[in-house]
PDB file of all heavy atoms in Angstrom:
ATOM      1  N   GLU A   1     120.613 -32.348  -1.380  1.00  0.00           N
ATOM      2  CA  GLU A   1     121.600 -31.272  -1.373  1.00  0.00           C
ATOM      3  C   GLU A   1     122.074 -30.936   0.038  1.00  0.00           C
ATOM      4  O   GLU A   1     123.151 -30.375   0.228  1.00  0.00           O
ATOM      5  CB  GLU A   1     121.014 -30.021  -2.041  1.00  0.00           C
ATOM      6  CG  GLU A   1     120.770 -30.185  -3.530  1.00  0.00           C
ATOM      7  CD  GLU A   1     120.180 -28.950  -4.156  1.00  0.00           C
ATOM      8  OE1 GLU A   1     119.806 -28.031  -3.396  1.00  0.00           O
ATOM      9  OE2 GLU A   1     120.094 -28.882  -5.393  1.00  0.00           O
ATOM     10  N   ASN A   2     121.258 -31.266   1.041  1.00  0.00           N
ATOM     11  CA  ASN A   2     121.584 -30.923   2.421  1.00  0.00           C
ATOM     12  C   ASN A   2     122.084 -32.105   3.244  1.00  0.00           C
ATOM     13  O   ASN A   2     122.140 -32.024   4.471  1.00  0.00           O
ATOM     14  CB  ASN A   2     120.373 -30.304   3.114  1.00  0.00           C
ATOM     15  CG  ASN A   2     120.055 -28.922   2.579  1.00  0.00           C
ATOM     16  OD1 ASN A   2     120.814 -28.358   1.801  1.00  0.00           O
ATOM     17  ND2 ASN A   2     118.930 -28.363   2.983  1.00  0.00           N
ATOM     18  N   GLY A   3     122.439 -33.199   2.581  1.00  0.00           N
ATOM     19  CA  GLY A   3     122.988 -34.335   3.297  1.00  0.00           C
ATOM     20  C   GLY A   3     122.361 -35.648   2.888  1.00  0.00           C
ATOM     21  O   GLY A   3     121.440 -35.692   2.067  1.00  0.00           O
ATOM     22  N   ILE A   4     122.890 -36.741   3.444  1.00  0.00           N
ATOM     23  CA  ILE A   4     122.280 -38.050   3.229  1.00  0.00           C
ATOM     24  C   ILE A   4     121.493 -38.425   4.477  1.00  0.00           C
ATOM     25  O   ILE A   4     121.861 -38.047   5.599  1.00  0.00           O
ATOM     26  CB  ILE A   4     123.317 -39.135   2.890  1.00  0.00           C
ATOM     27  CG1 ILE A   4     124.305 -39.360   4.054  1.00  0.00           C
ATOM     28  CG2 ILE A   4     124.067 -38.787   1.602  1.00  0.00           C
ATOM     29  CD1 ILE A   4     125.210 -40.566   3.850  1.00  0.00           C
ATOM     30  N   PHE A   5     120.411 -39.169   4.274  1.00  0.00           N
ATOM     31  CA  PHE A   5     119.493 -39.485   5.356  1.00  0.00           C
ATOM     32  C   PHE A   5     119.131 -40.964   5.296  1.00  0.00           C
ATOM     33  O   PHE A   5     119.073 -41.551   4.224  1.00  0.00           O
ATOM     34  CB  PHE A   5     118.228 -38.624   5.249  1.00  0.00           C
ATOM     35  CG  PHE A   5     118.505 -37.150   5.334  1.00  0.00           C
ATOM     36  CD1 PHE A   5     118.914 -36.439   4.214  1.00  0.00           C
ATOM     37  CD2 PHE A   5     118.400 -36.484   6.542  1.00  0.00           C
ATOM     38  CE1 PHE A   5     119.202 -35.084   4.294  1.00  0.00           C
ATOM     39  CE2 PHE A   5     118.678 -35.133   6.631  1.00  0.00           C
ATOM     40  CZ  PHE A   5     119.087 -34.432   5.511  1.00  0.00           C
ATOM     41  N   GLY A   6     118.894 -41.540   6.474  1.00  0.00           N
ATOM     42  CA  GLY A   6     118.555 -42.955   6.505  1.00  0.00           C
ATOM     43  C   GLY A   6     118.145 -43.384   7.888  1.00  0.00           C
ATOM     44  O   GLY A   6     117.752 -42.565   8.734  1.00  0.00           O
ATOM     45  N   GLU A   7     118.258 -44.686   8.155  1.00  0.00           N
ATOM     46  CA  GLU A   7     117.806 -45.254   9.417  1.00  0.00           C
ATOM     47  C   GLU A   7     118.902 -46.125  10.013  1.00  0.00           C
ATOM     48  O   GLU A   7     119.501 -46.953   9.326  1.00  0.00           O
ATOM     49  CB  GLU A   7     116.531 -46.079   9.217  1.00  0.00           C
ATOM     50  CG  GLU A   7     115.903 -46.557  10.508  1.00  0.00           C
ATOM     51  CD  GLU A   7     114.494 -47.094  10.295  1.00  0.00           C
ATOM     52  OE1 GLU A   7     113.949 -46.896   9.195  1.00  0.00           O
ATOM     53  OE2 GLU A   7     113.964 -47.713  11.229  1.00  0.00           O
ATOM     54  N   ILE A   8     119.178 -45.911  11.294  1.00  0.00           N
ATOM     55  CA  ILE A   8     120.165 -46.706  12.011  1.00  0.00           C
ATOM     56  C   ILE A   8     119.559 -48.073  12.344  1.00  0.00           C
ATOM     57  O   ILE A   8     118.411 -48.162  12.771  1.00  0.00           O
ATOM     58  CB  ILE A   8     120.595 -45.991  13.310  1.00  0.00           C
ATOM     59  CG1 ILE A   8     121.370 -44.716  12.988  1.00  0.00           C
ATOM     60  CG2 ILE A   8     121.429 -46.910  14.185  1.00  0.00           C
ATOM     61  CD1 ILE A   8     122.710 -44.959  12.332  1.00  0.00           C
ATOM     62  N   THR A   9     120.332 -49.133  12.151  1.00  0.00           N
ATOM     63  CA  THR A   9     119.821 -50.482  12.433  1.00  0.00           C
ATOM     64  C   THR A   9     120.045 -50.881  13.888  1.00  0.00           C
ATOM     65  O   THR A   9     119.353 -51.751  14.403  1.00  0.00           O
ATOM     66  CB  THR A   9     120.495 -51.503  11.510  1.00  0.00           C
ATOM     67  OG1 THR A   9     121.917 -51.362  11.595  1.00  0.00           O
ATOM     68  CG2 THR A   9     120.083 -51.277  10.063  1.00  0.00           C
ATOM     69  N   ASP A  10     121.015 -50.245  14.557  1.00  0.00           N
ATOM     70  CA  ASP A  10     121.269 -50.552  15.958  1.00  0.00           C
ATOM     71  C   ASP A  10     121.626 -49.267  16.697  1.00  0.00           C
ATOM     72  O   ASP A  10     122.782 -48.842  16.730  1.00  0.00           O
ATOM     73  CB  ASP A  10     122.405 -51.568  16.088  1.00  0.00           C
ATOM     74  CG  ASP A  10     122.674 -51.952  17.550  1.00  0.00           C
ATOM     75  OD1 ASP A  10     121.867 -51.580  18.418  1.00  0.00           O
ATOM     76  OD2 ASP A  10     123.691 -52.628  17.795  1.00  0.00           O
ATOM     77  N   ALA A  11     120.619 -48.649  17.299  1.00  0.00           N
ATOM     78  CA  ALA A  11     120.830 -47.365  17.977  1.00  0.00           C
ATOM     79  C   ALA A  11     121.612 -47.519  19.277  1.00  0.00           C
ATOM     80  O   ALA A  11     122.067 -46.528  19.851  1.00  0.00           O
ATOM     81  CB  ALA A  11     119.487 -46.703  18.261  1.00  0.00           C
ATOM     82  N   ASN A  12     121.808 -48.742  19.750  1.00  0.00           N
ATOM     83  CA  ASN A  12     122.527 -48.959  21.005  1.00  0.00           C
ATOM     84  C   ASN A  12     124.020 -48.668  20.892  1.00  0.00           C
ATOM     85  O   ASN A  12     124.715 -48.608  21.916  1.00  0.00           O
ATOM     86  CB  ASN A  12     122.325 -50.397  21.488  1.00  0.00           C
ATOM     87  CG  ASN A  12     120.890 -50.670  21.898  1.00  0.00           C
ATOM     88  OD1 ASN A  12     120.228 -49.815  22.475  1.00  0.00           O
ATOM     89  ND2 ASN A  12     120.398 -51.867  21.585  1.00  0.00           N
ATOM     90  N   ILE A  13     124.516 -48.484  19.672  1.00  0.00           N
ATOM     91  CA  ILE A  13     125.945 -48.215  19.507  1.00  0.00           C
ATOM     92  C   ILE A  13     126.285 -46.760  19.864  1.00  0.00           C
ATOM     93  O   ILE A  13     127.451 -46.405  19.950  1.00  0.00           O
ATOM     94  CB  ILE A  13     126.402 -48.503  18.070  1.00  0.00           C
ATOM     95  CG1 ILE A  13     125.683 -47.586  17.078  1.00  0.00           C
ATOM     96  CG2 ILE A  13     126.191 -49.952  17.709  1.00  0.00           C
ATOM     97  CD1 ILE A  13     126.157 -47.743  15.654  1.00  0.00           C
ATOM     98  N   ILE A  14     125.260 -45.929  20.083  1.00  0.00           N
ATOM     99  CA  ILE A  14     125.484 -44.511  20.369  1.00  0.00           C
ATOM    100  C   ILE A  14     125.347 -44.268  21.866  1.00  0.00           C
ATOM    101  O   ILE A  14     124.339 -44.619  22.474  1.00  0.00           O
ATOM    102  CB  ILE A  14     124.464 -43.642  19.609  1.00  0.00           C
ATOM    103  CG1 ILE A  14     124.512 -43.963  18.120  1.00  0.00           C
ATOM    104  CG2 ILE A  14     124.731 -42.167  19.833  1.00  0.00           C
ATOM    105  CD1 ILE A  14     123.415 -43.338  17.328  1.00  0.00           C
ATOM    106  N   ASN A  15     126.374 -43.660  22.473  1.00  0.00           N
ATOM    107  CA  ASN A  15     126.338 -43.405  23.912  1.00  0.00           C
ATOM    108  C   ASN A  15     126.291 -41.914  24.236  1.00  0.00           C
ATOM    109  O   ASN A  15     126.662 -41.497  25.332  1.00  0.00           O
ATOM    110  CB  ASN A  15     127.541 -44.055  24.596  1.00  0.00           C
ATOM    111  CG  ASN A  15     128.866 -43.529  24.070  1.00  0.00           C
ATOM    112  OD1 ASN A  15     128.889 -42.641  23.219  1.00  0.00           O
ATOM    113  ND2 ASN A  15     129.959 -44.080  24.570  1.00  0.00           N
ATOM    114  N   LYS A  16     125.861 -41.094  23.265  1.00  0.00           N
ATOM    115  CA  LYS A  16     125.755 -39.654  23.482  1.00  0.00           C
ATOM    116  C   LYS A  16     124.344 -39.288  23.937  1.00  0.00           C
ATOM    117  O   LYS A  16     123.378 -40.008  23.637  1.00  0.00           O
ATOM    118  CB  LYS A  16     126.103 -38.896  22.197  1.00  0.00           C
ATOM    119  CG  LYS A  16     127.489 -39.207  21.627  1.00  0.00           C
ATOM    120  CD  LYS A  16     128.591 -38.753  22.541  1.00  0.00           C
ATOM    121  CE  LYS A  16     129.951 -38.994  21.930  1.00  0.00           C
ATOM    122  NZ  LYS A  16     131.057 -38.589  22.816  1.00  0.00           N
ATOM    123  N   GLU A  17     124.242 -38.162  24.630  1.00  0.00           N
ATOM    124  CA  GLU A  17     122.951 -37.717  25.156  1.00  0.00           C
ATOM    125  C   GLU A  17     122.223 -36.827  24.144  1.00  0.00           C
ATOM    126  O   GLU A  17     122.866 -36.072  23.402  1.00  0.00           O
ATOM    127  CB  GLU A  17     123.145 -36.937  26.453  1.00  0.00           C
ATOM    128  CG  GLU A  17     123.646 -37.790  27.615  1.00  0.00           C
ATOM    129  CD  GLU A  17     122.670 -38.881  28.000  1.00  0.00           C
ATOM    130  OE1 GLU A  17     121.442 -38.604  28.009  1.00  0.00           O
ATOM    131  OE2 GLU A  17     123.118 -40.007  28.280  1.00  0.00           O
ATOM    132  N   PRO A  18     120.874 -36.884  24.128  1.00  0.00           N
ATOM    133  CA  PRO A  18     120.102 -35.986  23.258  1.00  0.00           C
ATOM    134  C   PRO A  18     120.322 -34.525  23.643  1.00  0.00           C
ATOM    135  O   PRO A  18     120.668 -34.203  24.775  1.00  0.00           O
ATOM    136  CB  PRO A  18     118.650 -36.410  23.509  1.00  0.00           C
ATOM    137  CG  PRO A  18     118.730 -37.789  24.070  1.00  0.00           C
ATOM    138  CD  PRO A  18     120.004 -37.827  24.857  1.00  0.00           C
ATOM    139  N   MET A  19     120.111 -33.652  22.674  1.00  0.00           N
ATOM    140  CA  MET A  19     120.322 -32.222  22.871  1.00  0.00           C
ATOM    141  C   MET A  19     119.270 -31.457  22.085  1.00  0.00           C
ATOM    142  O   MET A  19     118.882 -31.874  20.986  1.00  0.00           O
ATOM    143  CB  MET A  19     121.734 -31.854  22.384  1.00  0.00           C
ATOM    144  CG  MET A  19     122.102 -30.401  22.528  1.00  0.00           C
ATOM    145  SD  MET A  19     123.796 -30.101  21.898  1.00  0.00           S
ATOM    146  CE  MET A  19     124.773 -30.991  23.117  1.00  0.00           C
ATOM    147  N   LYS A  20     118.805 -30.348  22.635  1.00  0.00           N
ATOM    148  CA  LYS A  20     117.866 -29.512  21.890  1.00  0.00           C
ATOM    149  C   LYS A  20     118.582 -28.846  20.721  1.00  0.00           C
ATOM    150  O   LYS A  20     119.788 -28.622  20.767  1.00  0.00           O
ATOM    151  CB  LYS A  20     117.252 -28.445  22.801  1.00  0.00           C
ATOM    152  CG  LYS A  20     116.194 -28.992  23.744  1.00  0.00           C
ATOM    153  CD  LYS A  20     115.471 -27.863  24.462  1.00  0.00           C
ATOM    154  CE  LYS A  20     114.343 -28.430  25.331  1.00  0.00           C
ATOM    155  NZ  LYS A  20     113.565 -27.344  26.001  1.00  0.00           N
ATOM    156  N   ILE A  21     117.813 -28.515  19.686  1.00  0.00           N
ATOM    157  CA  ILE A  21     118.382 -27.800  18.546  1.00  0.00           C
ATOM    158  C   ILE A  21     118.017 -26.321  18.648  1.00  0.00           C
ATOM    159  O   ILE A  21     117.090 -25.944  19.378  1.00  0.00           O
ATOM    160  CB  ILE A  21     117.895 -28.379  17.204  1.00  0.00           C
ATOM    161  CG1 ILE A  21     116.430 -28.012  16.964  1.00  0.00           C
ATOM    162  CG2 ILE A  21     118.093 -29.874  17.132  1.00  0.00           C
ATOM    163  CD1 ILE A  21     115.976 -28.268  15.544  1.00  0.00           C
ATOM    164  N   ALA A  22     118.765 -25.496  17.929  1.00  0.00           N
ATOM    165  CA  ALA A  22     118.463 -24.064  17.863  1.00  0.00           C
ATOM    166  C   ALA A  22     118.280 -23.673  16.411  1.00  0.00           C
ATOM    167  O   ALA A  22     119.053 -24.083  15.546  1.00  0.00           O
ATOM    168  CB  ALA A  22     119.588 -23.248  18.488  1.00  0.00           C
ATOM    169  N   LEU A  23     117.234 -22.907  16.122  1.00  0.00           N
ATOM    170  CA  LEU A  23     117.017 -22.402  14.776  1.00  0.00           C
ATOM    171  C   LEU A  23     118.048 -21.328  14.452  1.00  0.00           C
ATOM    172  O   LEU A  23     118.710 -20.786  15.335  1.00  0.00           O
ATOM    173  CB  LEU A  23     115.600 -21.847  14.637  1.00  0.00           C
ATOM    174  CG  LEU A  23     114.450 -22.846  14.811  1.00  0.00           C
ATOM    175  CD1 LEU A  23     113.115 -22.146  14.590  1.00  0.00           C
ATOM    176  CD2 LEU A  23     114.583 -24.037  13.875  1.00  0.00           C
ATOM    177  N   GLN A  24     118.145 -20.990  13.178  1.00  0.00           N
ATOM    178  CA  GLN A  24     119.207 -20.109  12.718  1.00  0.00           C
ATOM    179  C   GLN A  24     119.158 -18.717  13.346  1.00  0.00           C
ATOM    180  O   GLN A  24     120.192 -18.054  13.463  1.00  0.00           O
ATOM    181  CB  GLN A  24     119.189 -19.997  11.199  1.00  0.00           C
ATOM    182  CG  GLN A  24     117.866 -19.538  10.610  1.00  0.00           C
ATOM    183  CD  GLN A  24     117.923 -19.507   9.095  1.00  0.00           C
ATOM    184  OE1 GLN A  24     118.490 -18.587   8.516  1.00  0.00           O
ATOM    185  NE2 GLN A  24     117.348 -20.498   8.455  1.00  0.00           N
ATOM    186  N   ASP A  25     117.982 -18.259  13.773  1.00  0.00           N
ATOM    187  CA  ASP A  25     117.917 -16.932  14.382  1.00  0.00           C
ATOM    188  C   ASP A  25     118.558 -16.888  15.770  1.00  0.00           C
ATOM    189  O   ASP A  25     118.794 -15.807  16.311  1.00  0.00           O
ATOM    190  CB  ASP A  25     116.465 -16.427  14.439  1.00  0.00           C
ATOM    191  CG  ASP A  25     115.582 -17.307  15.305  1.00  0.00           C
ATOM    192  OD1 ASP A  25     115.796 -18.532  15.313  1.00  0.00           O
ATOM    193  OD2 ASP A  25     114.681 -16.774  15.974  1.00  0.00           O
ATOM    194  N   LYS A  26     118.864 -18.062  16.325  1.00  0.00           N
ATOM    195  CA  LYS A  26     119.542 -18.126  17.618  1.00  0.00           C
ATOM    196  C   LYS A  26     121.056 -18.282  17.461  1.00  0.00           C
ATOM    197  O   LYS A  26     121.805 -18.149  18.431  1.00  0.00           O
ATOM    198  CB  LYS A  26     119.009 -19.308  18.444  1.00  0.00           C
ATOM    199  CG  LYS A  26     117.513 -19.248  18.731  1.00  0.00           C
ATOM    200  CD  LYS A  26     117.145 -18.037  19.577  1.00  0.00           C
ATOM    201  CE  LYS A  26     115.656 -18.055  19.930  1.00  0.00           C
ATOM    202  NZ  LYS A  26     115.267 -16.843  20.694  1.00  0.00           N
ATOM    203  N   VAL A  27     121.505 -18.587  16.245  1.00  0.00           N
ATOM    204  CA  VAL A  27     122.938 -18.762  15.997  1.00  0.00           C
ATOM    205  C   VAL A  27     123.605 -17.392  15.970  1.00  0.00           C
ATOM    206  O   VAL A  27     123.087 -16.447  15.372  1.00  0.00           O
ATOM    207  CB  VAL A  27     123.166 -19.499  14.663  1.00  0.00           C
ATOM    208  CG1 VAL A  27     124.656 -19.666  14.381  1.00  0.00           C
ATOM    209  CG2 VAL A  27     122.477 -20.870  14.685  1.00  0.00           C
ATOM    210  N   HIS A  28     124.763 -17.276  16.596  1.00  0.00           N
ATOM    211  CA  HIS A  28     125.428 -15.970  16.672  1.00  0.00           C
ATOM    212  C   HIS A  28     126.933 -16.144  16.543  1.00  0.00           C
ATOM    213  O   HIS A  28     127.487 -17.233  16.741  1.00  0.00           O
ATOM    214  CB  HIS A  28     125.077 -15.269  17.984  1.00  0.00           C
ATOM    215  CG  HIS A  28     125.467 -16.066  19.211  1.00  0.00           C
ATOM    216  ND1 HIS A  28     126.731 -16.004  19.774  1.00  0.00           N
ATOM    217  CD2 HIS A  28     124.751 -16.946  19.976  1.00  0.00           C
ATOM    218  CE1 HIS A  28     126.783 -16.796  20.826  1.00  0.00           C
ATOM    219  NE2 HIS A  28     125.588 -17.384  20.973  1.00  0.00           N
ATOM    220  N   GLU A  29     127.594 -15.054  16.232  1.00  0.00           N
ATOM    221  CA  GLU A  29     129.052 -15.067  16.199  1.00  0.00           C
ATOM    222  C   GLU A  29     129.591 -15.338  17.598  1.00  0.00           C
ATOM    223  O   GLU A  29     129.014 -14.899  18.592  1.00  0.00           O
ATOM    224  CB  GLU A  29     129.575 -13.727  15.697  1.00  0.00           C
ATOM    225  CG  GLU A  29     129.204 -13.416  14.261  1.00  0.00           C
ATOM    226  CD  GLU A  29     129.693 -12.050  13.831  1.00  0.00           C
ATOM    227  OE1 GLU A  29     130.357 -11.369  14.650  1.00  0.00           O
ATOM    228  OE2 GLU A  29     129.407 -11.640  12.691  1.00  0.00           O
ATOM    229  N   GLY A  30     130.689 -16.064  17.652  1.00  0.00           N
ATOM    230  CA  GLY A  30     131.280 -16.346  18.949  1.00  0.00           C
ATOM    231  C   GLY A  30     131.723 -17.788  19.086  1.00  0.00           C
ATOM    232  O   GLY A  30     131.681 -18.566  18.122  1.00  0.00           O
ATOM    233  N   PRO A  31     132.150 -18.189  20.289  1.00  0.00           N
ATOM    234  CA  PRO A  31     132.674 -19.539  20.512  1.00  0.00           C
ATOM    235  C   PRO A  31     131.609 -20.613  20.284  1.00  0.00           C
ATOM    236  O   PRO A  31     130.416 -20.396  20.526  1.00  0.00           O
ATOM    237  CB  PRO A  31     133.113 -19.502  21.979  1.00  0.00           C
ATOM    238  CG  PRO A  31     133.269 -18.060  22.315  1.00  0.00           C
ATOM    239  CD  PRO A  31     132.246 -17.339  21.482  1.00  0.00           C
ATOM    240  N   ALA A  32     132.050 -21.773  19.830  1.00  0.00           N
ATOM    241  CA  ALA A  32     131.195 -22.936  19.638  1.00  0.00           C
ATOM    242  C   ALA A  32     132.100 -24.168  19.667  1.00  0.00           C
ATOM    243  O   ALA A  32     133.308 -24.059  19.907  1.00  0.00           O
ATOM    244  CB  ALA A  32     130.423 -22.836  18.329  1.00  0.00           C
ATOM    245  N   LYS A  33     131.526 -25.320  19.417  1.00  0.00           N
ATOM    246  CA  LYS A  33     132.303 -26.562  19.361  1.00  0.00           C
ATOM    247  C   LYS A  33     131.840 -27.394  18.172  1.00  0.00           C
ATOM    248  O   LYS A  33     130.691 -27.270  17.725  1.00  0.00           O
ATOM    249  CB  LYS A  33     132.139 -27.370  20.657  1.00  0.00           C
ATOM    250  CG  LYS A  33     132.740 -26.701  21.885  1.00  0.00           C
ATOM    251  CD  LYS A  33     132.599 -27.566  23.121  1.00  0.00           C
ATOM    252  CE  LYS A  33     133.197 -26.884  24.350  1.00  0.00           C
ATOM    253  NZ  LYS A  33     134.661 -26.709  24.250  1.00  0.00           N
ATOM    254  N   ILE A  34     132.734 -28.217  17.647  1.00  0.00           N
ATOM    255  CA  ILE A  34     132.331 -29.245  16.688  1.00  0.00           C
ATOM    256  C   ILE A  34     132.660 -30.596  17.298  1.00  0.00           C
ATOM    257  O   ILE A  34     133.632 -30.736  18.056  1.00  0.00           O
ATOM    258  CB  ILE A  34     133.018 -29.095  15.310  1.00  0.00           C
ATOM    259  CG1 ILE A  34     134.538 -29.229  15.418  1.00  0.00           C
ATOM    260  CG2 ILE A  34     132.619 -27.791  14.656  1.00  0.00           C
ATOM    261  CD1 ILE A  34     135.215 -29.333  14.053  1.00  0.00           C
ATOM    262  N   ARG A  35     131.832 -31.579  17.009  1.00  0.00           N
ATOM    263  CA  ARG A  35     132.019 -32.937  17.525  1.00  0.00           C
ATOM    264  C   ARG A  35     132.511 -33.793  16.366  1.00  0.00           C
ATOM    265  O   ARG A  35     131.808 -33.995  15.380  1.00  0.00           O
ATOM    266  CB  ARG A  35     130.708 -33.468  18.099  1.00  0.00           C
ATOM    267  CG  ARG A  35     130.807 -34.859  18.711  1.00  0.00           C
ATOM    268  CD  ARG A  35     129.568 -35.180  19.531  1.00  0.00           C
ATOM    269  NE  ARG A  35     129.523 -34.346  20.740  1.00  0.00           N
ATOM    270  CZ  ARG A  35     128.499 -34.340  21.592  1.00  0.00           C
ATOM    271  NH1 ARG A  35     127.435 -35.104  21.360  1.00  0.00           N
ATOM    272  NH2 ARG A  35     128.520 -33.559  22.664  1.00  0.00           N
ATOM    273  N   SER A  36     133.749 -34.294  16.484  1.00  0.00           N
ATOM    274  CA  SER A  36     134.383 -35.000  15.373  1.00  0.00           C
ATOM    275  C   SER A  36     135.120 -36.242  15.836  1.00  0.00           C
ATOM    276  O   SER A  36     135.457 -36.390  17.011  1.00  0.00           O
ATOM    277  CB  SER A  36     135.365 -34.079  14.629  1.00  0.00           C
ATOM    278  OG  SER A  36     134.694 -33.032  13.970  1.00  0.00           O
ATOM    279  N   ASN A  37     135.384 -37.106  14.871  1.00  0.00           N
ATOM    280  CA  ASN A  37     136.089 -38.372  15.078  1.00  0.00           C
ATOM    281  C   ASN A  37     137.301 -38.364  14.136  1.00  0.00           C
ATOM    282  O   ASN A  37     137.184 -38.727  12.970  1.00  0.00           O
ATOM    283  CB  ASN A  37     135.136 -39.521  14.770  1.00  0.00           C
ATOM    284  CG  ASN A  37     135.766 -40.888  14.775  1.00  0.00           C
ATOM    285  OD1 ASN A  37     135.201 -41.810  14.223  1.00  0.00           O
ATOM    286  ND2 ASN A  37     136.924 -41.050  15.394  1.00  0.00           N
ATOM    287  N   VAL A  38     138.454 -37.913  14.656  1.00  0.00           N
ATOM    288  CA  VAL A  38     139.640 -37.792  13.806  1.00  0.00           C
ATOM    289  C   VAL A  38     140.786 -38.683  14.273  1.00  0.00           C
ATOM    290  O   VAL A  38     141.869 -38.654  13.692  1.00  0.00           O
ATOM    291  CB  VAL A  38     140.122 -36.323  13.727  1.00  0.00           C
ATOM    292  CG1 VAL A  38     139.031 -35.433  13.141  1.00  0.00           C
ATOM    293  CG2 VAL A  38     140.569 -35.813  15.093  1.00  0.00           C
ATOM    294  N   ASP A  39     140.554 -39.465  15.330  1.00  0.00           N
ATOM    295  CA  ASP A  39     141.611 -40.318  15.877  1.00  0.00           C
ATOM    296  C   ASP A  39     141.003 -41.651  16.303  1.00  0.00           C
ATOM    297  O   ASP A  39     140.297 -41.722  17.309  1.00  0.00           O
ATOM    298  CB  ASP A  39     142.277 -39.622  17.064  1.00  0.00           C
ATOM    299  CG  ASP A  39     143.496 -40.376  17.583  1.00  0.00           C
ATOM    300  OD1 ASP A  39     143.890 -41.377  16.955  1.00  0.00           O
ATOM    301  OD2 ASP A  39     144.047 -39.962  18.610  1.00  0.00           O
ATOM    302  N   LYS A  40     141.249 -42.689  15.512  1.00  0.00           N
ATOM    303  CA  LYS A  40     140.740 -44.036  15.783  1.00  0.00           C
ATOM    304  C   LYS A  40     139.223 -43.992  16.007  1.00  0.00           C
ATOM    305  O   LYS A  40     138.481 -43.550  15.153  1.00  0.00           O
ATOM    306  CB  LYS A  40     141.487 -44.658  16.957  1.00  0.00           C
ATOM    307  CG  LYS A  40     142.984 -44.826  16.701  1.00  0.00           C
ATOM    308  CD  LYS A  40     143.692 -45.462  17.869  1.00  0.00           C
ATOM    309  CE  LYS A  40     145.189 -45.599  17.571  1.00  0.00           C
ATOM    310  NZ  LYS A  40     145.926 -46.186  18.713  1.00  0.00           N
TER     311      LYS A  40
END
């Protein structure tokens, strides 16, 4: 219900840096960003 899960066969295709997560009690109203792929 919360998404699909699996295993990447080639992790070298990702060039993004790791990031810490925040639990829901740290989430607040205000500015944020979404990371999306909408152009090529």
